[in-house]
Amino acid sequence: MPVLCRARTRPEAAANPRRSDTSPLDANRILKDYLLQAAYHVGSTGRHRLQEYYRKAENEQRRSRLATAKLLLRVARYMVQTEMIYLPLEILHPDMPLPNGYIVAYYQQVTDALTAKWKHYNLAGVPDDANYLTKWKENVSDIVAATELNN
């Protein structure tokens, strides 16, 4: 059977009980590379909270990519735990005036993006109670129906 990842074989790993002797180094390196690339992309495009954090870390002579990657992981972990999507600051800010239907349009854009991303995968075998994409679509359609009733 071919080896997919190299195992950690450092002698100091045995002295540290938190580290395992079998954690895959190649997988960790690939994950770190992806995180740092994502942090650089977040820091160099658009104007949002993560980009401001990247610039602030860069101005303070800190490791801007690593700091932003850590923040990106914290945000992603929270989003997965709470089953939330990323909301831009203009939606979250209570004093920001938003045009009618802006939030619903944003939710529909996210739904379209998720549907396009997952259309190549066969989700027919996933039970309805475990299919979060179907749950998301139902929630968004309920929100759209409720806003249409209010208008």
N, C-alpha and C. Protein backbone atom coordinates (compact mmCIF):
# COMPACT_ATOMS: atom_id res chain seq x y z
N MET A 1 0.85 -1.17 0.00
CA MET A 1 0.00 0.00 0.00
C MET A 1 0.89 1.24 0.00
N PRO A 2 0.65 2.20 -0.90
CA PRO A 2 1.51 3.37 -0.96
C PRO A 2 1.30 4.29 0.24
N VAL A 3 2.37 4.97 0.64
CA VAL A 3 2.30 5.91 1.75
C VAL A 3 1.87 7.26 1.19
N LEU A 4 0.78 7.80 1.72
CA LEU A 4 0.26 9.07 1.22
C LEU A 4 0.92 10.27 1.90
N CYS A 5 1.29 10.13 3.15
CA CYS A 5 1.90 11.22 3.90
C CYS A 5 3.07 10.68 4.70
N ARG A 6 4.08 11.52 4.87
CA ARG A 6 5.18 11.14 5.72
C ARG A 6 4.76 11.29 7.18
N ALA A 7 5.23 10.42 8.03
CA ALA A 7 4.91 10.52 9.45
C ALA A 7 6.00 11.32 10.15
N ARG A 8 5.63 11.98 11.22
CA ARG A 8 6.59 12.74 12.01
C ARG A 8 7.47 11.74 12.76
N THR A 9 8.78 11.88 12.61
CA THR A 9 9.70 10.93 13.24
C THR A 9 10.75 11.64 14.07
N ARG A 10 10.44 12.83 14.55
CA ARG A 10 11.42 13.56 15.34
C ARG A 10 11.53 12.95 16.73
N PRO A 11 12.74 12.85 17.28
CA PRO A 11 12.88 12.26 18.62
C PRO A 11 12.27 13.13 19.71
N GLU A 12 12.23 14.44 19.54
CA GLU A 12 11.67 15.30 20.58
C GLU A 12 10.15 15.19 20.65
N ALA A 13 9.52 14.60 19.64
CA ALA A 13 8.07 14.43 19.66
C ALA A 13 7.65 13.46 20.76
N ALA A 14 8.50 12.49 21.08
CA ALA A 14 8.16 11.54 22.13
C ALA A 14 8.20 12.20 23.50
N ALA A 15 9.03 13.23 23.67
CA ALA A 15 9.13 13.92 24.96
C ALA A 15 7.94 14.84 25.19
N ASN A 16 7.30 15.27 24.13
CA ASN A 16 6.16 16.18 24.24
C ASN A 16 4.88 15.36 24.10
N PRO A 17 4.09 15.21 25.17
CA PRO A 17 2.91 14.35 25.08
C PRO A 17 1.80 14.93 24.20
N ARG A 18 1.84 16.23 23.91
CA ARG A 18 0.80 16.82 23.09
C ARG A 18 0.96 16.45 21.62
N ARG A 19 2.15 16.08 21.22
CA ARG A 19 2.41 15.78 19.82
C ARG A 19 2.36 14.27 19.59
N SER A 20 1.82 13.91 18.48
CA SER A 20 1.72 12.50 18.13
C SER A 20 2.87 12.14 17.19
N ASP A 21 3.32 10.92 17.26
CA ASP A 21 4.39 10.48 16.37
C ASP A 21 3.89 10.17 14.98
N THR A 22 2.60 10.17 14.76
CA THR A 22 2.07 9.77 13.46
C THR A 22 1.33 10.89 12.75
N SER A 23 1.49 12.13 13.17
CA SER A 23 0.78 13.21 12.46
C SER A 23 1.43 13.43 11.10
N PRO A 24 0.64 13.56 10.06
CA PRO A 24 1.19 13.67 8.70
C PRO A 24 1.78 15.05 8.43
N LEU A 25 3.07 15.08 8.19
CA LEU A 25 3.75 16.35 7.93
C LEU A 25 3.30 16.96 6.61
N ASP A 26 3.17 16.14 5.58
CA ASP A 26 2.81 16.67 4.27
C ASP A 26 1.42 17.29 4.30
N ALA A 27 0.48 16.65 4.98
CA ALA A 27 -0.87 17.20 5.06
C ALA A 27 -0.86 18.52 5.83
N ASN A 28 -0.09 18.60 6.90
CA ASN A 28 0.00 19.84 7.66
C ASN A 28 0.61 20.95 6.81
N ARG A 29 1.62 20.63 6.03
CA ARG A 29 2.28 21.63 5.19
C ARG A 29 1.32 22.13 4.11
N ILE A 30 0.56 21.21 3.52
CA ILE A 30 -0.41 21.60 2.48
C ILE A 30 -1.48 22.49 3.08
N LEU A 31 -1.99 22.12 4.25
CA LEU A 31 -3.01 22.93 4.91
C LEU A 31 -2.47 24.32 5.24
N LYS A 32 -1.24 24.39 5.75
CA LYS A 32 -0.64 25.68 6.08
C LYS A 32 -0.47 26.52 4.82
N ASP A 33 -0.03 25.90 3.72
CA ASP A 33 0.12 26.64 2.47
C ASP A 33 -1.21 27.22 2.01
N TYR A 34 -2.26 26.41 2.06
CA TYR A 34 -3.59 26.90 1.66
C TYR A 34 -4.05 28.04 2.55
N LEU A 35 -3.82 27.91 3.85
CA LEU A 35 -4.24 28.97 4.77
C LEU A 35 -3.49 30.27 4.52
N LEU A 36 -2.20 30.17 4.29
CA LEU A 36 -1.41 31.38 4.03
C LEU A 36 -1.79 32.00 2.69
N GLN A 37 -2.08 31.18 1.68
CA GLN A 37 -2.54 31.73 0.40
C GLN A 37 -3.88 32.42 0.56
N ALA A 38 -4.78 31.81 1.32
CA ALA A 38 -6.09 32.43 1.56
C ALA A 38 -5.93 33.73 2.32
N ALA A 39 -5.04 33.76 3.31
CA ALA A 39 -4.81 34.98 4.08
C ALA A 39 -4.25 36.08 3.19
N TYR A 40 -3.33 35.74 2.29
CA TYR A 40 -2.79 36.74 1.38
C TYR A 40 -3.88 37.26 0.45
N HIS A 41 -4.71 36.37 -0.06
CA HIS A 41 -5.80 36.78 -0.95
C HIS A 41 -6.78 37.68 -0.22
N VAL A 42 -7.12 37.30 1.01
CA VAL A 42 -8.04 38.11 1.81
C VAL A 42 -7.42 39.48 2.09
N GLY A 43 -6.12 39.51 2.35
CA GLY A 43 -5.46 40.77 2.68
C GLY A 43 -5.21 41.66 1.49
N SER A 44 -5.28 41.13 0.29
CA SER A 44 -4.95 41.95 -0.88
C SER A 44 -6.14 42.26 -1.76
N THR A 45 -7.34 41.80 -1.41
CA THR A 45 -8.50 42.08 -2.25
C THR A 45 -9.64 42.64 -1.41
N GLY A 46 -10.40 43.50 -2.01
CA GLY A 46 -11.60 44.02 -1.38
C GLY A 46 -11.33 44.91 -0.18
N ARG A 47 -12.40 45.38 0.42
CA ARG A 47 -12.28 46.17 1.65
C ARG A 47 -13.26 45.57 2.65
N HIS A 48 -12.72 44.90 3.65
CA HIS A 48 -13.53 44.24 4.65
C HIS A 48 -12.70 44.08 5.91
N ARG A 49 -13.30 43.50 6.94
CA ARG A 49 -12.66 43.41 8.25
C ARG A 49 -11.35 42.63 8.21
N LEU A 50 -11.32 41.52 7.50
CA LEU A 50 -10.10 40.71 7.45
C LEU A 50 -8.98 41.43 6.71
N GLN A 51 -9.34 42.20 5.68
CA GLN A 51 -8.33 42.96 4.95
C GLN A 51 -7.75 44.07 5.84
N GLU A 52 -8.61 44.71 6.63
CA GLU A 52 -8.13 45.73 7.56
C GLU A 52 -7.22 45.12 8.62
N TYR A 53 -7.56 43.93 9.09
CA TYR A 53 -6.73 43.22 10.06
C TYR A 53 -5.37 42.88 9.46
N TYR A 54 -5.36 42.46 8.20
CA TYR A 54 -4.12 42.14 7.50
C TYR A 54 -3.22 43.38 7.39
N ARG A 55 -3.82 44.50 6.99
CA ARG A 55 -3.05 45.75 6.86
C ARG A 55 -2.52 46.22 8.21
N LYS A 56 -3.33 46.09 9.25
CA LYS A 56 -2.91 46.50 10.59
C LYS A 56 -1.72 45.67 11.05
N ALA A 57 -1.79 44.36 10.85
CA ALA A 57 -0.68 43.49 11.23
C ALA A 57 0.57 43.79 10.40
N GLU A 58 0.37 44.13 9.14
CA GLU A 58 1.49 44.47 8.27
C GLU A 58 2.15 45.77 8.73
N ASN A 59 1.35 46.76 9.12
CA ASN A 59 1.89 48.04 9.59
C ASN A 59 2.61 47.92 10.92
N GLU A 60 2.20 46.96 11.74
CA GLU A 60 2.84 46.74 13.04
C GLU A 60 4.05 45.82 12.94
N GLN A 61 4.48 45.52 11.72
CA GLN A 61 5.64 44.66 11.46
C GLN A 61 5.46 43.26 12.05
N ARG A 62 4.21 42.78 12.11
CA ARG A 62 3.95 41.41 12.54
C ARG A 62 3.86 40.53 11.30
N ARG A 63 3.70 39.25 11.53
CA ARG A 63 3.52 38.32 10.42
C ARG A 63 2.08 38.43 9.95
N SER A 64 1.86 39.27 8.97
CA SER A 64 0.50 39.60 8.55
C SER A 64 -0.24 38.39 7.99
N ARG A 65 0.45 37.57 7.22
CA ARG A 65 -0.23 36.40 6.65
C ARG A 65 -0.61 35.39 7.73
N LEU A 66 0.32 35.13 8.63
CA LEU A 66 0.05 34.16 9.69
C LEU A 66 -1.04 34.66 10.63
N ALA A 67 -0.99 35.94 10.99
CA ALA A 67 -2.01 36.50 11.88
C ALA A 67 -3.38 36.46 11.22
N THR A 68 -3.45 36.79 9.94
CA THR A 68 -4.73 36.77 9.23
C THR A 68 -5.22 35.34 9.05
N ALA A 69 -4.31 34.40 8.81
CA ALA A 69 -4.71 32.99 8.68
C ALA A 69 -5.31 32.48 9.99
N LYS A 70 -4.72 32.88 11.12
CA LYS A 70 -5.27 32.47 12.41
C LYS A 70 -6.65 33.07 12.63
N LEU A 71 -6.83 34.34 12.29
CA LEU A 71 -8.14 34.97 12.42
C LEU A 71 -9.15 34.31 11.49
N LEU A 72 -8.71 33.99 10.28
CA LEU A 72 -9.58 33.32 9.32
C LEU A 72 -10.03 31.96 9.86
N LEU A 73 -9.13 31.23 10.50
CA LEU A 73 -9.50 29.95 11.11
C LEU A 73 -10.49 30.14 12.25
N ARG A 74 -10.29 31.18 13.08
CA ARG A 74 -11.23 31.43 14.18
C ARG A 74 -12.62 31.76 13.65
N VAL A 75 -12.67 32.59 12.61
CA VAL A 75 -13.96 32.95 12.01
C VAL A 75 -14.62 31.73 11.39
N ALA A 76 -13.83 30.93 10.67
CA ALA A 76 -14.39 29.73 10.03
C ALA A 76 -14.87 28.72 11.06
N ARG A 77 -14.11 28.55 12.13
CA ARG A 77 -14.53 27.61 13.18
C ARG A 77 -15.84 28.07 13.81
N TYR A 78 -15.98 29.36 14.08
CA TYR A 78 -17.22 29.88 14.66
C TYR A 78 -18.39 29.70 13.69
N MET A 79 -18.14 29.96 12.41
CA MET A 79 -19.20 29.82 11.42
C MET A 79 -19.67 28.38 11.31
N VAL A 80 -18.75 27.43 11.39
CA VAL A 80 -19.13 26.01 11.32
C VAL A 80 -19.88 25.60 12.59
N GLN A 81 -19.40 26.05 13.75
CA GLN A 81 -20.06 25.66 15.00
C GLN A 81 -21.47 26.23 15.10
N THR A 82 -21.67 27.44 14.62
CA THR A 82 -22.99 28.07 14.74
C THR A 82 -23.84 27.91 13.48
N GLU A 83 -23.27 27.27 12.45
CA GLU A 83 -23.96 27.06 11.17
C GLU A 83 -24.43 28.38 10.58
N MET A 84 -23.55 29.37 10.58
CA MET A 84 -23.84 30.70 10.05
C MET A 84 -23.04 30.91 8.76
N ILE A 85 -23.47 31.89 7.97
CA ILE A 85 -22.69 32.29 6.81
C ILE A 85 -21.97 33.59 7.16
N TYR A 86 -20.99 33.94 6.35
CA TYR A 86 -20.27 35.19 6.57
C TYR A 86 -21.17 36.35 6.14
N LEU A 87 -21.37 37.28 7.04
CA LEU A 87 -22.18 38.46 6.74
C LEU A 87 -21.27 39.67 6.65
N PRO A 88 -21.41 40.48 5.62
CA PRO A 88 -20.58 41.67 5.51
C PRO A 88 -20.93 42.68 6.60
N LEU A 89 -20.01 43.61 6.85
CA LEU A 89 -20.19 44.58 7.93
C LEU A 89 -21.40 45.47 7.72
N GLU A 90 -21.74 45.78 6.47
CA GLU A 90 -22.88 46.67 6.26
C GLU A 90 -24.19 46.03 6.71
N ILE A 91 -24.26 44.72 6.70
CA ILE A 91 -25.46 44.05 7.21
C ILE A 91 -25.43 44.00 8.74
N LEU A 92 -24.26 43.79 9.31
CA LEU A 92 -24.15 43.66 10.76
C LEU A 92 -24.22 44.99 11.49
N HIS A 93 -23.86 46.08 10.84
CA HIS A 93 -23.82 47.39 11.51
C HIS A 93 -25.24 47.89 11.73
N PRO A 94 -25.62 48.18 12.99
CA PRO A 94 -27.02 48.56 13.25
C PRO A 94 -27.40 49.94 12.72
N ASP A 95 -26.44 50.85 12.58
CA ASP A 95 -26.76 52.21 12.14
C ASP A 95 -26.70 52.40 10.63
N MET A 96 -26.26 51.39 9.92
CA MET A 96 -26.11 51.50 8.47
C MET A 96 -27.47 51.35 7.79
N PRO A 97 -27.90 52.38 7.05
CA PRO A 97 -29.18 52.24 6.34
C PRO A 97 -29.02 51.32 5.13
N LEU A 98 -29.89 50.34 5.03
CA LEU A 98 -29.83 49.38 3.92
C LEU A 98 -31.08 49.54 3.06
N PRO A 99 -30.93 49.43 1.74
CA PRO A 99 -32.12 49.48 0.89
C PRO A 99 -33.02 48.28 1.14
N ASN A 100 -34.29 48.43 0.84
CA ASN A 100 -35.25 47.34 1.03
C ASN A 100 -34.84 46.12 0.21
N GLY A 101 -34.85 44.97 0.83
CA GLY A 101 -34.54 43.73 0.13
C GLY A 101 -33.07 43.44 -0.01
N TYR A 102 -32.19 44.25 0.59
CA TYR A 102 -30.75 44.05 0.45
C TYR A 102 -30.32 42.73 1.09
N ILE A 103 -30.80 42.47 2.30
CA ILE A 103 -30.40 41.26 3.01
C ILE A 103 -30.94 40.01 2.30
N VAL A 104 -32.16 40.09 1.83
CA VAL A 104 -32.75 38.96 1.10
C VAL A 104 -31.96 38.70 -0.18
N ALA A 105 -31.58 39.77 -0.88
CA ALA A 105 -30.79 39.61 -2.10
C ALA A 105 -29.43 38.99 -1.78
N TYR A 106 -28.83 39.39 -0.65
CA TYR A 106 -27.55 38.82 -0.26
C TYR A 106 -27.70 37.32 0.02
N TYR A 107 -28.75 36.95 0.76
CA TYR A 107 -28.99 35.53 1.04
C TYR A 107 -29.22 34.75 -0.25
N GLN A 108 -29.92 35.33 -1.21
CA GLN A 108 -30.15 34.63 -2.48
C GLN A 108 -28.85 34.48 -3.27
N GLN A 109 -27.96 35.49 -3.21
CA GLN A 109 -26.66 35.38 -3.87
C GLN A 109 -25.84 34.25 -3.25
N VAL A 110 -25.86 34.17 -1.92
CA VAL A 110 -25.12 33.10 -1.25
C VAL A 110 -25.70 31.74 -1.62
N THR A 111 -27.02 31.66 -1.68
CA THR A 111 -27.68 30.40 -2.06
C THR A 111 -27.30 29.99 -3.48
N ASP A 112 -27.29 30.94 -4.41
CA ASP A 112 -26.89 30.64 -5.78
C ASP A 112 -25.44 30.18 -5.85
N ALA A 113 -24.57 30.83 -5.08
CA ALA A 113 -23.16 30.43 -5.08
C ALA A 113 -22.98 29.03 -4.49
N LEU A 114 -23.69 28.73 -3.41
CA LEU A 114 -23.60 27.39 -2.82
C LEU A 114 -24.14 26.33 -3.76
N THR A 115 -25.25 26.63 -4.42
CA THR A 115 -25.83 25.67 -5.36
C THR A 115 -24.88 25.41 -6.53
N ALA A 116 -24.26 26.47 -7.05
CA ALA A 116 -23.31 26.30 -8.15
C ALA A 116 -22.09 25.50 -7.71
N LYS A 117 -21.65 25.72 -6.48
CA LYS A 117 -20.48 25.01 -5.98
C LYS A 117 -20.74 23.52 -5.81
N TRP A 118 -21.93 23.17 -5.33
CA TRP A 118 -22.23 21.78 -5.00
C TRP A 118 -23.00 21.04 -6.09
N LYS A 119 -23.23 21.65 -7.25
CA LYS A 119 -24.05 21.00 -8.27
C LYS A 119 -23.37 19.78 -8.89
N HIS A 120 -22.05 19.70 -8.84
CA HIS A 120 -21.33 18.58 -9.44
C HIS A 120 -21.31 17.34 -8.54
N TYR A 121 -21.76 17.50 -7.29
CA TYR A 121 -21.76 16.38 -6.35
C TYR A 121 -23.16 15.79 -6.26
N ASN A 122 -23.22 14.50 -6.14
CA ASN A 122 -24.51 13.82 -6.03
C ASN A 122 -24.93 13.81 -4.56
N LEU A 123 -25.84 14.69 -4.20
CA LEU A 123 -26.32 14.78 -2.83
C LEU A 123 -27.64 14.04 -2.64
N ALA A 124 -28.04 13.24 -3.64
CA ALA A 124 -29.32 12.54 -3.57
C ALA A 124 -29.31 11.48 -2.47
N GLY A 125 -28.16 10.91 -2.16
CA GLY A 125 -28.09 9.87 -1.14
C GLY A 125 -28.04 10.40 0.28
N VAL A 126 -27.93 11.71 0.43
CA VAL A 126 -27.85 12.30 1.77
C VAL A 126 -29.27 12.47 2.31
N PRO A 127 -29.55 11.97 3.50
CA PRO A 127 -30.90 12.14 4.06
C PRO A 127 -31.23 13.62 4.26
N ASP A 128 -32.51 13.94 4.19
CA ASP A 128 -32.93 15.34 4.28
C ASP A 128 -32.54 15.99 5.60
N ASP A 129 -32.55 15.23 6.69
CA ASP A 129 -32.19 15.83 7.98
C ASP A 129 -30.70 16.10 8.09
N ALA A 130 -29.87 15.50 7.24
CA ALA A 130 -28.43 15.73 7.26
C ALA A 130 -27.96 16.58 6.08
N ASN A 131 -28.85 16.94 5.17
CA ASN A 131 -28.49 17.72 3.99
C ASN A 131 -28.65 19.21 4.32
N TYR A 132 -27.55 19.84 4.68
CA TYR A 132 -27.59 21.23 5.11
C TYR A 132 -27.84 22.18 3.95
N LEU A 133 -27.51 21.79 2.74
CA LEU A 133 -27.79 22.65 1.59
C LEU A 133 -29.30 22.75 1.37
N THR A 134 -29.99 21.64 1.49
CA THR A 134 -31.45 21.66 1.35
C THR A 134 -32.08 22.47 2.48
N LYS A 135 -31.57 22.30 3.71
CA LYS A 135 -32.08 23.08 4.84
C LYS A 135 -31.86 24.57 4.60
N TRP A 136 -30.68 24.92 4.07
CA TRP A 136 -30.38 26.32 3.80
C TRP A 136 -31.34 26.90 2.78
N LYS A 137 -31.57 26.16 1.70
CA LYS A 137 -32.49 26.64 0.66
C LYS A 137 -33.89 26.83 1.21
N GLU A 138 -34.34 25.91 2.06
CA GLU A 138 -35.67 26.04 2.66
C GLU A 138 -35.74 27.27 3.57
N ASN A 139 -34.70 27.51 4.35
CA ASN A 139 -34.69 28.68 5.23
C ASN A 139 -34.72 29.97 4.43
N VAL A 140 -33.94 30.03 3.35
CA VAL A 140 -33.91 31.24 2.53
C VAL A 140 -35.25 31.44 1.84
N SER A 141 -35.86 30.37 1.37
CA SER A 141 -37.18 30.52 0.73
C SER A 141 -38.22 30.97 1.75
N ASP A 142 -38.11 30.53 3.00
CA ASP A 142 -39.01 31.01 4.05
C ASP A 142 -38.80 32.50 4.32
N ILE A 143 -37.54 32.93 4.33
CA ILE A 143 -37.24 34.36 4.54
C ILE A 143 -37.79 35.19 3.39
N VAL A 144 -37.60 34.72 2.16
CA VAL A 144 -38.10 35.44 0.99
C VAL A 144 -39.62 35.53 1.04
N ALA A 145 -40.28 34.43 1.38
CA ALA A 145 -41.75 34.44 1.46
C ALA A 145 -42.24 35.38 2.56
N ALA A 146 -41.54 35.42 3.69
CA ALA A 146 -41.95 36.30 4.79
C ALA A 146 -41.76 37.76 4.42
N THR A 147 -40.69 38.09 3.72
CA THR A 147 -40.48 39.49 3.34
C THR A 147 -41.46 39.92 2.26
N GLU A 148 -41.85 38.99 1.38
CA GLU A 148 -42.84 39.34 0.36
C GLU A 148 -44.21 39.57 0.98
N LEU A 149 -44.52 38.85 2.05
CA LEU A 149 -45.79 39.06 2.74
C LEU A 149 -45.82 40.41 3.47
N ASN A 150 -44.66 40.82 3.99
CA ASN A 150 -44.59 42.09 4.71
C ASN A 150 -44.62 43.29 3.78
N ASN A 151 -44.23 43.11 2.54
CA ASN A 151 -44.20 44.23 1.59
C ASN A 151 -45.46 44.33 0.85
